[in-house]
Amino acid sequence: MIARCYRIGLCALEKVMLHRAARRTALAPDCNCIEDGEVKSPRLFLLAAAVSLLLASLARAEAPSDWLHDYSKAQEEAKSNHKLLLLNFTGSDWCGWCIKFDKEILSQSQFKSYAHDNLVLVELDFPRRKTQPVEVKKQNVQLAQQYQVLGFPTIVVLNSNGQKLWQFDGYFPGGPEAFVAQLQKLPKS
């Protein structure tokens, strides 16, 4: 009786060993797939991942940003379209409050819709990890001094003639609704 149970145990063990050997064979260098009722291909997975990353980067590159970086061009556009000029002084890659402000207000559809019709947007960035052209750095420092920017984020709104209408230092509470409501109170001269 004991020998018989032992023999049955070996048979089950032999089946497991054979199954594992078959799986190891499927992983031989000449075969890049595992067949165990399903097919998995590391090469196919890597290809799919690469294509996904490529498409995501192309979609991001194709989406035009409404934010300008050249103050002079933005000023001309504001004047010709009779819009307000919104200057966003930010540390986009290091300032936590700036990132929060961008995510919770500036990137929201309610703000974007209002901005499209009423504002010319200028991002004046002071990054720590990104590189910027020397002219842009110089322009940003000059404007920060002109508007006495002491911290980030700072929002300055100018009329089309370049006169300062409003300045807010720090994170603006209340979400996009409150921010747009504040901008709507400003004269559009």
Protein backbone atom coordinates (compact mmCIF):
# COMPACT_ATOMS: atom_id res chain seq x y z
CA MET A 1 0.00 0.00 0.00
CA ILE A 2 2.76 2.44 0.88
CA ALA A 3 4.69 1.54 -2.27
CA ARG A 4 1.60 2.10 -4.35
CA CYS A 5 0.98 5.65 -2.93
CA TYR A 6 4.62 6.38 -3.41
CA ARG A 7 4.37 5.23 -7.03
CA ILE A 8 1.28 7.43 -7.64
CA GLY A 9 3.14 10.38 -6.12
CA LEU A 10 6.02 9.84 -8.51
CA CYS A 11 3.67 9.77 -11.46
CA ALA A 12 2.24 13.13 -10.51
CA LEU A 13 5.73 14.49 -9.90
CA GLU A 14 6.88 13.14 -13.27
CA LYS A 15 3.98 14.95 -14.96
CA VAL A 16 4.93 18.25 -13.30
CA MET A 17 8.58 17.76 -14.29
CA LEU A 18 7.63 16.99 -17.89
CA HIS A 19 5.37 20.05 -18.00
CA ARG A 20 8.19 22.26 -16.67
CA ALA A 21 10.65 20.76 -19.15
CA ALA A 22 8.23 21.51 -21.98
CA ARG A 23 7.95 25.13 -20.81
CA ARG A 24 11.74 25.43 -20.62
CA THR A 25 11.95 24.11 -24.15
CA ALA A 26 9.52 26.81 -25.29
CA LEU A 27 11.89 29.38 -23.84
CA ALA A 28 14.83 28.18 -25.89
CA PRO A 29 16.89 30.89 -27.62
CA ASP A 30 15.30 30.14 -30.98
CA CYS A 31 11.78 30.67 -29.65
CA ASN A 32 10.61 34.01 -28.31
CA CYS A 33 7.19 32.90 -27.16
CA ILE A 34 5.65 30.85 -24.41
CA GLU A 35 2.84 28.59 -25.46
CA ASP A 36 0.73 27.56 -22.54
CA GLY A 37 -2.74 28.04 -23.89
CA GLU A 38 -1.74 31.61 -24.77
CA VAL A 39 1.03 33.27 -26.72
CA LYS A 40 3.24 35.93 -25.18
CA SER A 41 5.98 37.54 -27.13
CA PRO A 42 8.59 39.76 -25.47
CA ARG A 43 9.49 41.26 -28.84
CA LEU A 44 5.86 42.00 -29.63
CA PHE A 45 5.40 43.56 -26.18
CA LEU A 46 8.49 45.76 -26.62
CA LEU A 47 7.33 46.80 -30.08
CA ALA A 48 3.86 47.69 -28.77
CA ALA A 49 5.39 49.70 -25.91
CA ALA A 50 7.70 51.57 -28.28
CA VAL A 51 4.85 52.39 -30.67
CA SER A 52 2.69 53.61 -27.76
CA LEU A 53 5.43 55.91 -26.51
CA LEU A 54 6.04 57.23 -30.00
CA LEU A 55 2.36 57.98 -30.57
CA ALA A 56 2.06 59.66 -27.17
CA SER A 57 5.04 61.91 -27.87
CA LEU A 58 3.72 62.78 -31.33
CA ALA A 59 0.31 63.64 -29.91
CA ARG A 60 1.96 65.86 -27.32
CA ALA A 61 4.13 67.52 -29.97
CA GLU A 62 1.17 68.11 -32.30
CA ALA A 63 -0.97 69.74 -29.64
CA PRO A 64 -0.13 73.42 -30.02
CA SER A 65 0.38 75.32 -26.81
CA ASP A 66 -1.51 78.56 -26.30
CA TRP A 67 1.38 79.85 -24.19
CA LEU A 68 3.89 82.19 -25.81
CA HIS A 69 7.41 82.75 -24.53
CA ASP A 70 8.28 85.93 -26.43
CA TYR A 71 6.91 88.93 -24.55
CA SER A 72 7.24 91.33 -27.51
CA LYS A 73 5.27 89.08 -29.86
CA ALA A 74 2.64 88.50 -27.18
CA GLN A 75 2.30 92.25 -26.62
CA GLU A 76 1.78 92.81 -30.36
CA GLU A 77 -0.84 90.05 -30.49
CA ALA A 78 -2.68 91.49 -27.47
CA LYS A 79 -2.74 94.93 -29.04
CA SER A 80 -3.92 93.74 -32.47
CA ASN A 81 -6.63 91.44 -31.03
CA HIS A 82 -7.70 93.76 -28.17
CA LYS A 83 -7.01 91.14 -25.54
CA LEU A 84 -5.49 91.21 -22.08
CA LEU A 85 -1.96 89.91 -21.59
CA LEU A 86 -1.55 87.31 -18.81
CA LEU A 87 2.03 86.82 -17.63
CA ASN A 88 2.66 83.61 -15.70
CA PHE A 89 5.94 83.76 -13.77
CA THR A 90 6.66 80.14 -12.90
CA GLY A 91 9.25 77.57 -11.96
CA SER A 92 7.63 74.87 -14.08
CA ASP A 93 9.96 72.00 -13.24
CA TRP A 94 10.61 72.58 -9.54
CA CYS A 95 7.99 74.84 -7.93
CA GLY A 96 5.28 72.71 -6.32
CA TRP A 97 2.73 75.54 -6.13
CA CYS A 98 3.38 76.42 -9.79
CA ILE A 99 2.79 72.83 -10.86
CA LYS A 100 -0.39 72.68 -8.75
CA PHE A 101 -1.61 76.01 -10.20
CA ASP A 102 -0.97 74.79 -13.73
CA LYS A 103 -2.68 71.45 -13.14
CA GLU A 104 -5.68 72.70 -11.18
CA ILE A 105 -6.37 76.01 -12.95
CA LEU A 106 -4.39 76.80 -16.09
CA SER A 107 -4.83 73.34 -17.65
CA GLN A 108 -8.57 73.18 -17.00
CA SER A 109 -11.03 73.55 -19.89
CA GLN A 110 -12.94 76.41 -18.22
CA PHE A 111 -9.79 78.54 -18.02
CA LYS A 112 -8.60 77.52 -21.48
CA SER A 113 -11.94 78.45 -23.02
CA TYR A 114 -11.93 81.87 -21.36
CA ALA A 115 -8.27 82.45 -22.22
CA HIS A 116 -8.77 81.56 -25.88
CA ASP A 117 -11.32 84.35 -26.31
CA ASN A 118 -9.92 86.99 -23.94
CA LEU A 119 -6.22 86.55 -23.18
CA VAL A 120 -2.80 86.31 -24.71
CA LEU A 121 -0.88 83.90 -22.48
CA VAL A 122 2.83 84.34 -21.75
CA GLU A 123 4.82 81.82 -19.73
CA LEU A 124 7.88 83.37 -18.12
CA ASP A 125 9.63 80.29 -16.81
CA PHE A 126 12.54 80.01 -14.39
CA PRO A 127 13.36 76.30 -14.65
CA ARG A 128 16.13 74.49 -12.86
CA ARG A 129 16.38 71.33 -14.98
CA LYS A 130 15.30 72.56 -18.41
CA THR A 131 17.54 74.57 -20.67
CA GLN A 132 16.44 77.89 -22.13
CA PRO A 133 17.89 80.18 -24.76
CA VAL A 134 19.93 83.05 -23.29
CA GLU A 135 17.54 85.66 -24.77
CA VAL A 136 14.55 84.06 -23.04
CA LYS A 137 16.37 83.92 -19.69
CA LYS A 138 17.35 87.58 -20.02
CA GLN A 139 13.80 88.60 -20.97
CA ASN A 140 12.30 86.66 -18.06
CA VAL A 141 14.67 88.16 -15.49
CA GLN A 142 14.07 91.67 -16.82
CA LEU A 143 10.27 91.25 -16.63
CA ALA A 144 10.48 89.71 -13.16
CA GLN A 145 12.42 92.77 -11.99
CA GLN A 146 10.04 95.16 -13.76
CA TYR A 147 6.98 93.64 -12.05
CA GLN A 148 8.78 93.03 -8.74
CA VAL A 149 8.23 89.28 -8.75
CA LEU A 150 9.49 87.88 -5.47
CA GLY A 151 8.14 84.34 -5.66
CA PHE A 152 6.37 81.80 -7.80
CA PRO A 153 3.80 81.49 -9.12
CA THR A 154 3.05 85.14 -9.83
CA ILE A 155 0.36 86.23 -12.26
CA VAL A 156 0.42 89.69 -13.82
CA VAL A 157 -2.36 90.88 -16.12
CA LEU A 158 -1.76 93.80 -18.46
CA ASN A 159 -4.10 95.59 -20.80
CA SER A 160 -3.30 95.81 -24.51
CA ASN A 161 -1.38 99.07 -23.86
CA GLY A 162 0.91 97.33 -21.37
CA GLN A 163 -0.57 98.86 -18.20
CA LYS A 164 -0.72 96.56 -15.19
CA LEU A 165 -4.30 95.80 -14.18
CA TRP A 166 -3.77 93.07 -11.59
CA GLN A 167 -1.05 91.04 -9.92
CA PHE A 168 -1.40 87.97 -7.74
CA ASP A 169 1.50 86.35 -5.92
CA GLY A 170 1.23 82.67 -4.99
CA TYR A 171 -1.30 79.94 -5.58
CA PHE A 172 -4.79 81.23 -6.42
CA PRO A 173 -7.39 79.32 -4.36
CA GLY A 174 -10.87 78.42 -5.55
CA GLY A 175 -10.13 76.62 -8.80
CA PRO A 176 -10.65 77.76 -12.38
CA GLU A 177 -14.11 79.22 -11.69
CA ALA A 178 -12.78 81.68 -9.10
CA PHE A 179 -9.75 82.55 -11.22
CA VAL A 180 -11.85 83.24 -14.33
CA ALA A 181 -14.31 85.27 -12.23
CA GLN A 182 -11.43 87.43 -11.02
CA LEU A 183 -10.18 87.94 -14.58
CA GLN A 184 -13.67 88.88 -15.78
CA LYS A 185 -13.73 91.77 -13.27
CA LEU A 186 -10.74 93.42 -14.99
CA PRO A 187 -11.35 96.23 -17.49
CA LYS A 188 -10.64 95.24 -21.08
CA SER A 189 -9.36 98.61 -22.29
